[in-house]
Amino acid sequence: MTQSTKTRSVVAGVGACLPEKRLTNADLARIVDTSDEWIFQRTGIRERHIAGEGETTSTLATEAARRALSAAGLAAEDIDLIVLATSTPDYTFPSTATQVQAALGITRGAAFDLQAVCSGFVFALATADKFLLSGSHKRALVIGAETFSRILDWKDRTTCVLFGDGAAAVVLEAREGAGSTADRGVLTTHLRSDGRHREKLYVDGGPSTTQTVGHLRMMGRDVFRHAVGMVTDVITDAFNATGFGPDDLDWFVPHQANERIIDASADKLHIAREKIVKTVSMHGNTSAASIPLALSVASADGRIKPGDLVMIEAMGGGFTWGSALIRW
């Protein structure tokens, strides 16, 4: 009797794009009442990238997508699905994903945005995975892209020091495997939302409410407290679904919001700190772009290798939170 095969969504390539301009903590100290020491001790952030003239969410996303395609050895016409996670689209409509689609010269398949704030990339990956597993599509670009600098209140030192801009993308390709957890690809995804927490992290504007873009508002201590508790349940769910545990992980790639949240979450889950990929010091919180940016860095420098077991997780405004376990 032959063993049945199983389709998995395999990461075929990853690429990133950061704005040219770097904004250091020292630069911020000249704008608001803060200091490098104050920011770094509380967040682990040293600098972040800020979009300049002519740089938008779609232009950053397009370049990240091109680099991911190059890494995968594929052409734009090989893609039949684009799922782009962002909270800072170019326009209210059309979707930023369709702008990327047009820029890449893709004229088939589907392209749409997904909004889950900082959890956006995990939600987008899970969504694209379902499309590929259904057989309706073969190859997807999953993109996280943000220009959060354009919704920050630059007079609010509690929020403007935290966020940065950037984009990163992965190419997912449907491939047949043996049907075991040794197969390359997305092994399991777990998503959660709880809309009761809106006032803790939100933007105070929108087309239907104020007819403005608005600015980001956050109750930092409440977000910190919920973040550590919430992300652990979806990671535990991933372990339960696959039979793996913290010792089996090669790499833990969390949302890069705050180094203290990252370390506290890893400690609570008994994940060794040397397995954590951290890029928060050089990128700040890039919302939906943070996980794919970290994946790009760790892939490029040789840490994440084919066959490695990689856990990604995030929590964002809404609240939303989720995890994905990937055999790289």
C-alpha atoms as a PDB file:
ATOM      1  CA  MET A   1       0.000   0.000   0.000  1.00  0.00           C
ATOM      2  CA  THR A   2       1.506   3.339  -1.015  1.00  0.00           C
ATOM      3  CA  GLN A   3       1.719   6.174   1.491  1.00  0.00           C
ATOM      4  CA  SER A   4      -0.554   9.100   0.659  1.00  0.00           C
ATOM      5  CA  THR A   5       1.104  12.407  -0.153  1.00  0.00           C
ATOM      6  CA  LYS A   6       0.127  15.794   1.234  1.00  0.00           C
ATOM      7  CA  THR A   7       0.334  19.265  -0.291  1.00  0.00           C
ATOM      8  CA  ARG A   8       2.315  21.816   1.701  1.00  0.00           C
ATOM      9  CA  SER A   9       2.924  25.524   1.118  1.00  0.00           C
ATOM     10  CA  VAL A  10       6.706  25.702   0.869  1.00  0.00           C
ATOM     11  CA  VAL A  11       8.735  28.909   1.299  1.00  0.00           C
ATOM     12  CA  ALA A  12      10.595  29.168  -2.003  1.00  0.00           C
ATOM     13  CA  GLY A  13      12.162  32.596  -1.491  1.00  0.00           C
ATOM     14  CA  VAL A  14      12.214  35.666   0.711  1.00  0.00           C
ATOM     15  CA  GLY A  15      13.060  39.303   0.009  1.00  0.00           C
ATOM     16  CA  ALA A  16      12.986  42.644   1.795  1.00  0.00           C
ATOM     17  CA  CYS A  17      13.090  46.368   1.117  1.00  0.00           C
ATOM     18  CA  LEU A  18      13.772  49.143   3.615  1.00  0.00           C
ATOM     19  CA  PRO A  19      13.544  52.898   3.016  1.00  0.00           C
ATOM     20  CA  GLU A  20      16.868  54.652   2.565  1.00  0.00           C
ATOM     21  CA  LYS A  21      16.454  57.014   5.507  1.00  0.00           C
ATOM     22  CA  ARG A  22      17.503  55.814   8.959  1.00  0.00           C
ATOM     23  CA  LEU A  23      16.171  57.581  12.043  1.00  0.00           C
ATOM     24  CA  THR A  24      18.249  56.908  15.150  1.00  0.00           C
ATOM     25  CA  ASN A  25      17.245  57.394  18.762  1.00  0.00           C
ATOM     26  CA  ALA A  26      19.606  60.373  18.859  1.00  0.00           C
ATOM     27  CA  ASP A  27      17.741  61.871  15.902  1.00  0.00           C
ATOM     28  CA  LEU A  28      14.453  61.421  17.759  1.00  0.00           C
ATOM     29  CA  ALA A  29      15.890  63.133  20.845  1.00  0.00           C
ATOM     30  CA  ARG A  30      16.088  66.290  18.724  1.00  0.00           C
ATOM     31  CA  ILE A  31      12.369  66.026  17.874  1.00  0.00           C
ATOM     32  CA  VAL A  32      10.724  65.000  21.165  1.00  0.00           C
ATOM     33  CA  ASP A  33      11.717  64.817  24.831  1.00  0.00           C
ATOM     34  CA  THR A  34      13.457  61.445  24.854  1.00  0.00           C
ATOM     35  CA  SER A  35      16.916  59.858  24.758  1.00  0.00           C
ATOM     36  CA  ASP A  36      18.689  56.849  23.316  1.00  0.00           C
ATOM     37  CA  GLU A  37      18.987  55.364  26.801  1.00  0.00           C
ATOM     38  CA  TRP A  38      15.259  55.808  27.570  1.00  0.00           C
ATOM     39  CA  ILE A  39      14.156  54.222  24.294  1.00  0.00           C
ATOM     40  CA  PHE A  40      16.657  51.356  24.247  1.00  0.00           C
ATOM     41  CA  GLN A  41      16.124  50.278  27.858  1.00  0.00           C
ATOM     42  CA  ARG A  42      12.354  50.077  27.392  1.00  0.00           C
ATOM     43  CA  THR A  43      12.164  48.680  23.864  1.00  0.00           C
ATOM     44  CA  GLY A  44      15.529  47.448  22.593  1.00  0.00           C
ATOM     45  CA  ILE A  45      15.248  49.800  19.602  1.00  0.00           C
ATOM     46  CA  ARG A  46      18.290  51.735  18.349  1.00  0.00           C
ATOM     47  CA  GLU A  47      17.042  52.946  14.965  1.00  0.00           C
ATOM     48  CA  ARG A  48      14.285  52.569  12.406  1.00  0.00           C
ATOM     49  CA  HIS A  49      13.802  53.319   8.693  1.00  0.00           C
ATOM     50  CA  ILE A  50      11.441  56.087   7.569  1.00  0.00           C
ATOM     51  CA  ALA A  51       9.884  56.328   4.102  1.00  0.00           C
ATOM     52  CA  GLY A  52      10.926  59.361   2.121  1.00  0.00           C
ATOM     53  CA  GLU A  53       9.500  61.196  -0.857  1.00  0.00           C
ATOM     54  CA  GLY A  54       8.375  58.758  -3.531  1.00  0.00           C
ATOM     55  CA  GLU A  55       8.495  55.781  -1.164  1.00  0.00           C
ATOM     56  CA  THR A  56       5.083  54.303  -0.404  1.00  0.00           C
ATOM     57  CA  THR A  57       3.778  51.026   0.965  1.00  0.00           C
ATOM     58  CA  SER A  58       3.320  49.711  -2.581  1.00  0.00           C
ATOM     59  CA  THR A  59       6.768  50.741  -3.841  1.00  0.00           C
ATOM     60  CA  LEU A  60       8.468  49.093  -0.879  1.00  0.00           C
ATOM     61  CA  ALA A  61       6.274  45.998  -1.261  1.00  0.00           C
ATOM     62  CA  THR A  62       6.965  45.755  -4.978  1.00  0.00           C
ATOM     63  CA  GLU A  63      10.733  45.804  -4.499  1.00  0.00           C
ATOM     64  CA  ALA A  64      10.505  43.238  -1.682  1.00  0.00           C
ATOM     65  CA  ALA A  65       8.400  41.031  -3.958  1.00  0.00           C
ATOM     66  CA  ARG A  66      10.926  41.313  -6.798  1.00  0.00           C
ATOM     67  CA  ARG A  67      13.721  40.249  -4.463  1.00  0.00           C
ATOM     68  CA  ALA A  68      11.679  37.323  -3.122  1.00  0.00           C
ATOM     69  CA  LEU A  69      10.969  36.172  -6.676  1.00  0.00           C
ATOM     70  CA  SER A  70      14.662  36.415  -7.532  1.00  0.00           C
ATOM     71  CA  ALA A  71      15.559  34.358  -4.462  1.00  0.00           C
ATOM     72  CA  ALA A  72      13.000  31.738  -5.509  1.00  0.00           C
ATOM     73  CA  GLY A  73      14.278  31.654  -9.089  1.00  0.00           C
ATOM     74  CA  LEU A  74      10.812  32.509 -10.362  1.00  0.00           C
ATOM     75  CA  ALA A  75       9.312  35.150 -12.628  1.00  0.00           C
ATOM     76  CA  ALA A  76       6.364  37.385 -11.871  1.00  0.00           C
ATOM     77  CA  GLU A  77       4.174  35.454 -14.308  1.00  0.00           C
ATOM     78  CA  ASP A  78       4.626  32.344 -12.141  1.00  0.00           C
ATOM     79  CA  ILE A  79       2.545  33.990  -9.371  1.00  0.00           C
ATOM     80  CA  ASP A  80      -1.248  33.599  -9.308  1.00  0.00           C
ATOM     81  CA  LEU A  81      -2.005  35.004  -5.834  1.00  0.00           C
ATOM     82  CA  ILE A  82      -0.868  38.054  -3.863  1.00  0.00           C
ATOM     83  CA  VAL A  83      -1.928  38.522  -0.247  1.00  0.00           C
ATOM     84  CA  LEU A  84      -0.575  41.769   1.181  1.00  0.00           C
ATOM     85  CA  ALA A  85      -0.845  42.581   4.878  1.00  0.00           C
ATOM     86  CA  THR A  86      -0.841  46.272   5.740  1.00  0.00           C
ATOM     87  CA  SER A  87      -2.454  48.876   7.977  1.00  0.00           C
ATOM     88  CA  THR A  88      -1.053  51.737   5.874  1.00  0.00           C
ATOM     89  CA  PRO A  89      -2.293  51.209   2.308  1.00  0.00           C
ATOM     90  CA  ASP A  90      -1.469  53.625  -0.495  1.00  0.00           C
ATOM     91  CA  TYR A  91      -5.167  54.371  -0.930  1.00  0.00           C
ATOM     92  CA  THR A  92      -8.475  53.598   0.766  1.00  0.00           C
ATOM     93  CA  PHE A  93      -9.001  51.674  -2.473  1.00  0.00           C
ATOM     94  CA  PRO A  94      -7.848  50.048  -4.694  1.00  0.00           C
ATOM     95  CA  SER A  95      -5.885  47.579  -2.601  1.00  0.00           C
ATOM     96  CA  THR A  96      -2.135  47.949  -2.310  1.00  0.00           C
ATOM     97  CA  ALA A  97      -1.833  44.334  -3.498  1.00  0.00           C
ATOM     98  CA  THR A  98      -3.306  45.275  -6.875  1.00  0.00           C
ATOM     99  CA  GLN A  99      -0.771  48.111  -7.148  1.00  0.00           C
ATOM    100  CA  VAL A 100       2.011  45.575  -6.598  1.00  0.00           C
ATOM    101  CA  GLN A 101       0.373  43.204  -9.058  1.00  0.00           C
ATOM    102  CA  ALA A 102       0.317  45.909 -11.729  1.00  0.00           C
ATOM    103  CA  ALA A 103       3.890  47.009 -11.019  1.00  0.00           C
ATOM    104  CA  LEU A 104       5.089  43.427 -11.418  1.00  0.00           C
ATOM    105  CA  GLY A 105       3.146  42.992 -14.666  1.00  0.00           C
ATOM    106  CA  ILE A 106       0.934  40.204 -13.341  1.00  0.00           C
ATOM    107  CA  THR A 107      -2.456  40.046 -15.062  1.00  0.00           C
ATOM    108  CA  ARG A 108      -3.882  36.752 -13.780  1.00  0.00           C
ATOM    109  CA  GLY A 109      -4.961  35.339 -10.474  1.00  0.00           C
ATOM    110  CA  ALA A 110      -6.081  37.336  -7.424  1.00  0.00           C
ATOM    111  CA  ALA A 111      -4.531  40.115  -5.375  1.00  0.00           C
ATOM    112  CA  PHE A 112      -5.970  41.591  -2.187  1.00  0.00           C
ATOM    113  CA  ASP A 113      -5.020  43.297   1.076  1.00  0.00           C
ATOM    114  CA  LEU A 114      -5.491  41.841   4.529  1.00  0.00           C
ATOM    115  CA  GLN A 115      -5.820  43.942   7.688  1.00  0.00           C
ATOM    116  CA  ALA A 116      -4.820  42.417  11.023  1.00  0.00           C
ATOM    117  CA  VAL A 117      -2.346  45.142  12.066  1.00  0.00           C
ATOM    118  CA  CYS A 118       0.876  43.653  13.527  1.00  0.00           C
ATOM    119  CA  SER A 119      -0.469  40.101  13.130  1.00  0.00           C
ATOM    120  CA  GLY A 120      -1.067  40.787   9.457  1.00  0.00           C
ATOM    121  CA  PHE A 121       1.748  38.681   8.036  1.00  0.00           C
ATOM    122  CA  VAL A 122       0.749  35.612  10.064  1.00  0.00           C
ATOM    123  CA  PHE A 123      -2.881  36.052   8.966  1.00  0.00           C
ATOM    124  CA  ALA A 124      -1.781  36.563   5.346  1.00  0.00           C
ATOM    125  CA  LEU A 125       0.439  33.480   5.413  1.00  0.00           C
ATOM    126  CA  ALA A 126      -2.387  31.379   6.862  1.00  0.00           C
ATOM    127  CA  THR A 127      -4.789  32.717   4.222  1.00  0.00           C
ATOM    128  CA  ALA A 128      -2.446  32.057   1.302  1.00  0.00           C
ATOM    129  CA  ASP A 129      -1.718  28.596   2.712  1.00  0.00           C
ATOM    130  CA  LYS A 130      -5.441  27.752   2.590  1.00  0.00           C
ATOM    131  CA  PHE A 131      -5.667  28.894  -1.032  1.00  0.00           C
ATOM    132  CA  LEU A 132      -2.688  26.744  -2.030  1.00  0.00           C
ATOM    133  CA  LEU A 133      -3.893  23.688  -0.124  1.00  0.00           C
ATOM    134  CA  SER A 134      -7.297  23.950  -1.809  1.00  0.00           C
ATOM    135  CA  GLY A 135      -5.653  23.575  -5.213  1.00  0.00           C
ATOM    136  CA  SER A 136      -7.139  26.809  -6.543  1.00  0.00           C
ATOM    137  CA  HIS A 137      -3.742  28.522  -6.760  1.00  0.00           C
ATOM    138  CA  LYS A 138      -0.159  27.306  -7.153  1.00  0.00           C
ATOM    139  CA  ARG A 139       2.211  30.089  -6.115  1.00  0.00           C
ATOM    140  CA  ALA A 140       1.630  33.079  -3.863  1.00  0.00           C
ATOM    141  CA  LEU A 141       3.423  36.225  -2.856  1.00  0.00           C
ATOM    142  CA  VAL A 142       2.751  36.877   0.827  1.00  0.00           C
ATOM    143  CA  ILE A 143       3.811  40.408   1.692  1.00  0.00           C
ATOM    144  CA  GLY A 144       3.964  42.512   4.845  1.00  0.00           C
ATOM    145  CA  ALA A 145       4.447  46.199   4.061  1.00  0.00           C
ATOM    146  CA  GLU A 146       4.014  49.350   6.130  1.00  0.00           C
ATOM    147  CA  THR A 147       4.675  53.079   6.210  1.00  0.00           C
ATOM    148  CA  PHE A 148       3.643  53.627   9.836  1.00  0.00           C
ATOM    149  CA  SER A 149       5.602  56.880   9.968  1.00  0.00           C
ATOM    150  CA  ARG A 150       2.652  58.450   8.129  1.00  0.00           C
ATOM    151  CA  ILE A 151       0.115  57.709  10.866  1.00  0.00           C
ATOM    152  CA  LEU A 152       2.314  58.618  13.849  1.00  0.00           C
ATOM    153  CA  ASP A 153       1.828  61.635  16.061  1.00  0.00           C
ATOM    154  CA  TRP A 154       5.390  62.955  16.073  1.00  0.00           C
ATOM    155  CA  LYS A 155       4.657  64.941  19.239  1.00  0.00           C
ATOM    156  CA  ASP A 156       3.747  61.783  21.192  1.00  0.00           C
ATOM    157  CA  ARG A 157       7.032  60.410  22.520  1.00  0.00           C
ATOM    158  CA  THR A 158       5.366  57.230  23.808  1.00  0.00           C
ATOM    159  CA  THR A 159       4.481  56.042  20.291  1.00  0.00           C
ATOM    160  CA  CYS A 160       6.616  57.855  17.700  1.00  0.00           C
ATOM    161  CA  VAL A 161       9.802  56.211  19.010  1.00  0.00           C
ATOM    162  CA  LEU A 162       8.453  52.694  18.485  1.00  0.00           C
ATOM    163  CA  PHE A 163       7.584  52.331  14.822  1.00  0.00           C
ATOM    164  CA  GLY A 164       9.365  52.173  11.489  1.00  0.00           C
ATOM    165  CA  ASP A 165       8.699  51.517   7.801  1.00  0.00           C
ATOM    166  CA  GLY A 166       9.599  48.624   5.540  1.00  0.00           C
ATOM    167  CA  ALA A 167       8.410  45.656   3.530  1.00  0.00           C
ATOM    168  CA  ALA A 168       9.267  42.015   3.063  1.00  0.00           C
ATOM    169  CA  ALA A 169       7.793  39.141   1.092  1.00  0.00           C
ATOM    170  CA  VAL A 170       7.898  35.383   0.831  1.00  0.00           C
ATOM    171  CA  VAL A 171       7.047  33.215  -2.153  1.00  0.00           C
ATOM    172  CA  LEU A 172       4.884  30.244  -1.191  1.00  0.00           C
ATOM    173  CA  GLU A 173       4.691  27.322  -3.601  1.00  0.00           C
ATOM    174  CA  ALA A 174       2.337  24.325  -3.382  1.00  0.00           C
ATOM    175  CA  ARG A 175       4.421  21.132  -3.356  1.00  0.00           C
ATOM    176  CA  GLU A 176       3.668  17.506  -2.664  1.00  0.00           C
ATOM    177  CA  GLY A 177       5.335  15.913   0.356  1.00  0.00           C
ATOM    178  CA  ALA A 178       5.275  12.588   2.133  1.00  0.00           C
ATOM    179  CA  GLY A 179       2.646  13.824   4.553  1.00  0.00           C
ATOM    180  CA  SER A 180       4.794  13.965   7.680  1.00  0.00           C
ATOM    181  CA  THR A 181       6.026  16.859   9.826  1.00  0.00           C
ATOM    182  CA  ALA A 182       9.431  16.316   8.228  1.00  0.00           C
ATOM    183  CA  ASP A 183       8.047  17.791   4.994  1.00  0.00           C
ATOM    184  CA  ARG A 184       9.090  21.298   4.067  1.00  0.00           C
ATOM    185  CA  GLY A 185       6.324  23.869   4.248  1.00  0.00           C
ATOM    186  CA  VAL A 186       3.714  25.385   6.537  1.00  0.00           C
ATOM    187  CA  LEU A 187       2.854  22.683   9.078  1.00  0.00           C
ATOM    188  CA  THR A 188       0.121  24.447  11.059  1.00  0.00           C
ATOM    189  CA  THR A 189      -1.385  27.907  11.624  1.00  0.00           C
ATOM    190  CA  HIS A 190      -3.490  29.260  14.493  1.00  0.00           C
ATOM    191  CA  LEU A 191      -5.288  32.613  14.474  1.00  0.00           C
ATOM    192  CA  ARG A 192      -7.258  34.501  17.119  1.00  0.00           C
ATOM    193  CA  SER A 193      -9.085  37.838  17.456  1.00  0.00           C
ATOM    194  CA  ASP A 194     -10.849  39.671  20.282  1.00  0.00           C
ATOM    195  CA  GLY A 195     -12.458  42.952  19.309  1.00  0.00           C
ATOM    196  CA  ARG A 196     -13.160  44.079  22.855  1.00  0.00           C
ATOM    197  CA  HIS A 197      -9.705  45.666  23.147  1.00  0.00           C
ATOM    198  CA  ARG A 198      -9.967  48.357  20.448  1.00  0.00           C
ATOM    199  CA  GLU A 199      -9.176  51.304  22.717  1.00  0.00           C
ATOM    200  CA  LYS A 200      -5.833  49.806  23.770  1.00  0.00           C
ATOM    201  CA  LEU A 201      -4.282  50.113  20.297  1.00  0.00           C
ATOM    202  CA  TYR A 202      -5.998  51.905  17.433  1.00  0.00           C
ATOM    203  CA  VAL A 203      -5.880  54.776  14.951  1.00  0.00           C
ATOM    204  CA  ASP A 204      -8.228  57.656  15.737  1.00  0.00           C
ATOM    205  CA  GLY A 205      -9.378  58.198  12.156  1.00  0.00           C
ATOM    206  CA  GLY A 206     -10.969  56.492   9.195  1.00  0.00           C
ATOM    207  CA  PRO A 207     -13.185  57.092   6.148  1.00  0.00           C
ATOM    208  CA  SER A 208     -16.459  56.167   7.863  1.00  0.00           C
ATOM    209  CA  THR A 209     -15.815  57.868  11.213  1.00  0.00           C
ATOM    210  CA  THR A 210     -13.746  61.010  10.796  1.00  0.00           C
ATOM    211  CA  GLN A 211     -13.026  61.123   7.045  1.00  0.00           C
ATOM    212  CA  THR A 212      -9.340  61.451   7.976  1.00  0.00           C
ATOM    213  CA  VAL A 213      -6.385  59.091   8.227  1.00  0.00           C
ATOM    214  CA  GLY A 214      -5.863  59.757  11.942  1.00  0.00           C
ATOM    215  CA  HIS A 215      -2.966  58.965  14.259  1.00  0.00           C
ATOM    216  CA  LEU A 216      -1.933  55.861  16.146  1.00  0.00           C
ATOM    217  CA  ARG A 217      -2.948  55.735  19.828  1.00  0.00           C
ATOM    218  CA  MET A 218      -1.784  53.121  22.295  1.00  0.00           C
ATOM    219  CA  MET A 219      -2.111  52.158  25.952  1.00  0.00           C
ATOM    220  CA  GLY A 220       1.371  50.688  26.147  1.00  0.00           C
ATOM    221  CA  ARG A 221       1.227  48.928  29.517  1.00  0.00           C
ATOM    222  CA  ASP A 222      -2.044  47.178  28.699  1.00  0.00           C
ATOM    223  CA  VAL A 223      -0.728  46.034  25.332  1.00  0.00           C
ATOM    224  CA  PHE A 224       2.442  44.657  26.963  1.00  0.00           C
ATOM    225  CA  ARG A 225       0.436  42.753  29.554  1.00  0.00           C
ATOM    226  CA  HIS A 226      -1.921  41.175  27.030  1.00  0.00           C
ATOM    227  CA  ALA A 227       0.795  40.422  24.478  1.00  0.00           C
ATOM    228  CA  VAL A 228       2.786  37.995  26.622  1.00  0.00           C
ATOM    229  CA  GLY A 229      -0.313  36.074  27.670  1.00  0.00           C
ATOM    230  CA  MET A 230      -2.055  35.957  24.320  1.00  0.00           C
ATOM    231  CA  VAL A 231       0.766  34.807  22.059  1.00  0.00           C
ATOM    232  CA  THR A 232       1.592  31.831  24.251  1.00  0.00           C
ATOM    233  CA  ASP A 233      -1.770  30.135  23.617  1.00  0.00           C
ATOM    234  CA  VAL A 234      -1.403  30.044  19.827  1.00  0.00           C
ATOM    235  CA  ILE A 235       2.144  28.731  20.127  1.00  0.00           C
ATOM    236  CA  THR A 236       0.990  26.028  22.517  1.00  0.00           C
ATOM    237  CA  ASP A 237      -1.744  25.172  20.001  1.00  0.00           C
ATOM    238  CA  ALA A 238       0.909  24.788  17.285  1.00  0.00           C
ATOM    239  CA  PHE A 239       2.918  22.439  19.488  1.00  0.00           C
ATOM    240  CA  ASN A 240      -0.179  20.400  20.308  1.00  0.00           C
ATOM    241  CA  ALA A 241      -1.150  20.169  16.632  1.00  0.00           C
ATOM    242  CA  THR A 242       2.236  18.841  15.535  1.00  0.00           C
ATOM    243  CA  GLY A 243       3.643  17.038  18.564  1.00  0.00           C
ATOM    244  CA  PHE A 244       6.635  19.352  18.684  1.00  0.00           C
ATOM    245  CA  GLY A 245       7.852  21.300  21.708  1.00  0.00           C
ATOM    246  CA  PRO A 246      10.118  24.271  22.406  1.00  0.00           C
ATOM    247  CA  ASP A 247      13.259  22.127  22.304  1.00  0.00           C
ATOM    248  CA  ASP A 248      12.443  21.025  18.747  1.00  0.00           C
ATOM    249  CA  LEU A 249      12.476  24.550  17.361  1.00  0.00           C
ATOM    250  CA  ASP A 250      15.502  25.736  15.440  1.00  0.00           C
ATOM    251  CA  TRP A 251      14.321  29.353  15.351  1.00  0.00           C
ATOM    252  CA  PHE A 252      11.690  31.504  17.038  1.00  0.00           C
ATOM    253  CA  VAL A 253      10.812  34.553  14.903  1.00  0.00           C
ATOM    254  CA  PRO A 254       8.315  36.721  16.786  1.00  0.00           C
ATOM    255  CA  HIS A 255       6.766  40.041  15.862  1.00  0.00           C
ATOM    256  CA  GLN A 256       9.424  42.673  16.530  1.00  0.00           C
ATOM    257  CA  ALA A 257       7.533  45.117  18.742  1.00  0.00           C
ATOM    258  CA  ASN A 258       9.564  45.275  21.921  1.00  0.00           C
ATOM    259  CA  GLU A 259      12.554  43.254  23.083  1.00  0.00           C
ATOM    260  CA  ARG A 260      11.093  42.865  26.569  1.00  0.00           C
ATOM    261  CA  ILE A 261       7.891  41.316  25.154  1.00  0.00           C
ATOM    262  CA  ILE A 262       9.939  39.012  22.932  1.00  0.00           C
ATOM    263  CA  ASP A 263      12.120  37.770  25.796  1.00  0.00           C
ATOM    264  CA  ALA A 264       9.215  37.408  28.228  1.00  0.00           C
ATOM    265  CA  SER A 265       7.211  35.379  25.710  1.00  0.00           C
ATOM    266  CA  ALA A 266      10.145  33.078  24.960  1.00  0.00           C
ATOM    267  CA  ASP A 267      10.864  32.562  28.655  1.00  0.00           C
ATOM    268  CA  LYS A 268       7.228  31.736  29.396  1.00  0.00           C
ATOM    269  CA  LEU A 269       7.267  29.123  26.625  1.00  0.00           C
ATOM    270  CA  HIS A 270      10.698  27.752  27.662  1.00  0.00           C
ATOM    271  CA  ILE A 271      12.187  28.672  24.281  1.00  0.00           C
ATOM    272  CA  ALA A 272      15.947  29.191  24.587  1.00  0.00           C
ATOM    273  CA  ARG A 273      16.908  32.812  23.958  1.00  0.00           C
ATOM    274  CA  GLU A 274      19.685  31.817  21.575  1.00  0.00           C
ATOM    275  CA  LYS A 275      16.961  30.546  19.215  1.00  0.00           C
ATOM    276  CA  ILE A 276      15.264  33.965  18.978  1.00  0.00           C
ATOM    277  CA  VAL A 277      15.706  36.031  15.824  1.00  0.00           C
ATOM    278  CA  LYS A 278      15.674  39.710  16.822  1.00  0.00           C
ATOM    279  CA  THR A 279      15.745  42.650  14.440  1.00  0.00           C
ATOM    280  CA  VAL A 280      13.843  45.159  16.583  1.00  0.00           C
ATOM    281  CA  SER A 281      17.020  47.106  17.369  1.00  0.00           C
ATOM    282  CA  MET A 282      17.534  48.112  13.736  1.00  0.00           C
ATOM    283  CA  HIS A 283      13.977  48.139  12.376  1.00  0.00           C
ATOM    284  CA  GLY A 284      11.752  49.148  15.292  1.00  0.00           C
ATOM    285  CA  ASN A 285       8.166  47.926  15.097  1.00  0.00           C
ATOM    286  CA  THR A 286       7.265  47.652  11.408  1.00  0.00           C
ATOM    287  CA  SER A 287       3.882  46.056  12.136  1.00  0.00           C
ATOM    288  CA  ALA A 288       2.944  43.538   9.416  1.00  0.00           C
ATOM    289  CA  ALA A 289       6.420  43.811   7.873  1.00  0.00           C
ATOM    290  CA  SER A 290       8.337  42.868  11.016  1.00  0.00           C
ATOM    291  CA  ILE A 291       8.220  39.070  10.816  1.00  0.00           C
ATOM    292  CA  PRO A 292       9.085  38.777   7.113  1.00  0.00           C
ATOM    293  CA  LEU A 293      11.858  41.361   7.583  1.00  0.00           C
ATOM    294  CA  ALA A 294      13.295  39.216  10.380  1.00  0.00           C
ATOM    295  CA  LEU A 295      12.931  36.080   8.247  1.00  0.00           C
ATOM    296  CA  SER A 296      14.777  37.843   5.424  1.00  0.00           C
ATOM    297  CA  VAL A 297      17.663  38.878   7.685  1.00  0.00           C
ATOM    298  CA  ALA A 298      18.053  35.433   9.261  1.00  0.00           C
ATOM    299  CA  SER A 299      17.766  33.694   5.907  1.00  0.00           C
ATOM    300  CA  ALA A 300      20.310  35.985   4.241  1.00  0.00           C
ATOM    301  CA  ASP A 301      22.879  35.604   7.024  1.00  0.00           C
ATOM    302  CA  GLY A 302      22.608  31.803   6.984  1.00  0.00           C
ATOM    303  CA  ARG A 303      20.915  31.248  10.315  1.00  0.00           C
ATOM    304  CA  ILE A 304      17.659  29.896   8.887  1.00  0.00           C
ATOM    305  CA  LYS A 305      18.433  26.990   6.564  1.00  0.00           C
ATOM    306  CA  PRO A 306      16.277  24.542   4.578  1.00  0.00           C
ATOM    307  CA  GLY A 307      14.844  21.917   6.893  1.00  0.00           C
ATOM    308  CA  ASP A 308      14.892  24.154   9.987  1.00  0.00           C
ATOM    309  CA  LEU A 309      11.794  24.256  12.159  1.00  0.00           C
ATOM    310  CA  VAL A 310      10.707  27.896  12.446  1.00  0.00           C
ATOM    311  CA  MET A 311       7.962  29.310  14.674  1.00  0.00           C
ATOM    312  CA  ILE A 312       6.522  32.727  13.843  1.00  0.00           C
ATOM    313  CA  GLU A 313       4.028  34.594  16.018  1.00  0.00           C
ATOM    314  CA  ALA A 314       2.524  38.039  16.384  1.00  0.00           C
ATOM    315  CA  MET A 315      -0.035  40.113  18.211  1.00  0.00           C
ATOM    316  CA  GLY A 316      -1.617  43.288  16.905  1.00  0.00           C
ATOM    317  CA  GLY A 317      -4.328  45.853  17.419  1.00  0.00           C
ATOM    318  CA  GLY A 318      -7.851  44.554  17.493  1.00  0.00           C
ATOM    319  CA  PHE A 319      -6.631  42.509  19.311  1.00  0.00           C
ATOM    320  CA  THR A 320      -5.440  39.930  16.783  1.00  0.00           C
ATOM    321  CA  TRP A 321      -2.819  37.264  17.342  1.00  0.00           C
ATOM    322  CA  GLY A 322      -1.551  34.134  15.644  1.00  0.00           C
ATOM    323  CA  SER A 323       1.218  31.626  15.037  1.00  0.00           C
ATOM    324  CA  ALA A 324       2.566  29.504  12.213  1.00  0.00           C
ATOM    325  CA  LEU A 325       4.999  26.600  12.384  1.00  0.00           C
ATOM    326  CA  ILE A 326       7.052  26.220   9.229  1.00  0.00           C
ATOM    327  CA  ARG A 327       9.554  23.603   8.071  1.00  0.00           C
ATOM    328  CA  TRP A 328      11.836  25.923   6.107  1.00  0.00           C
END
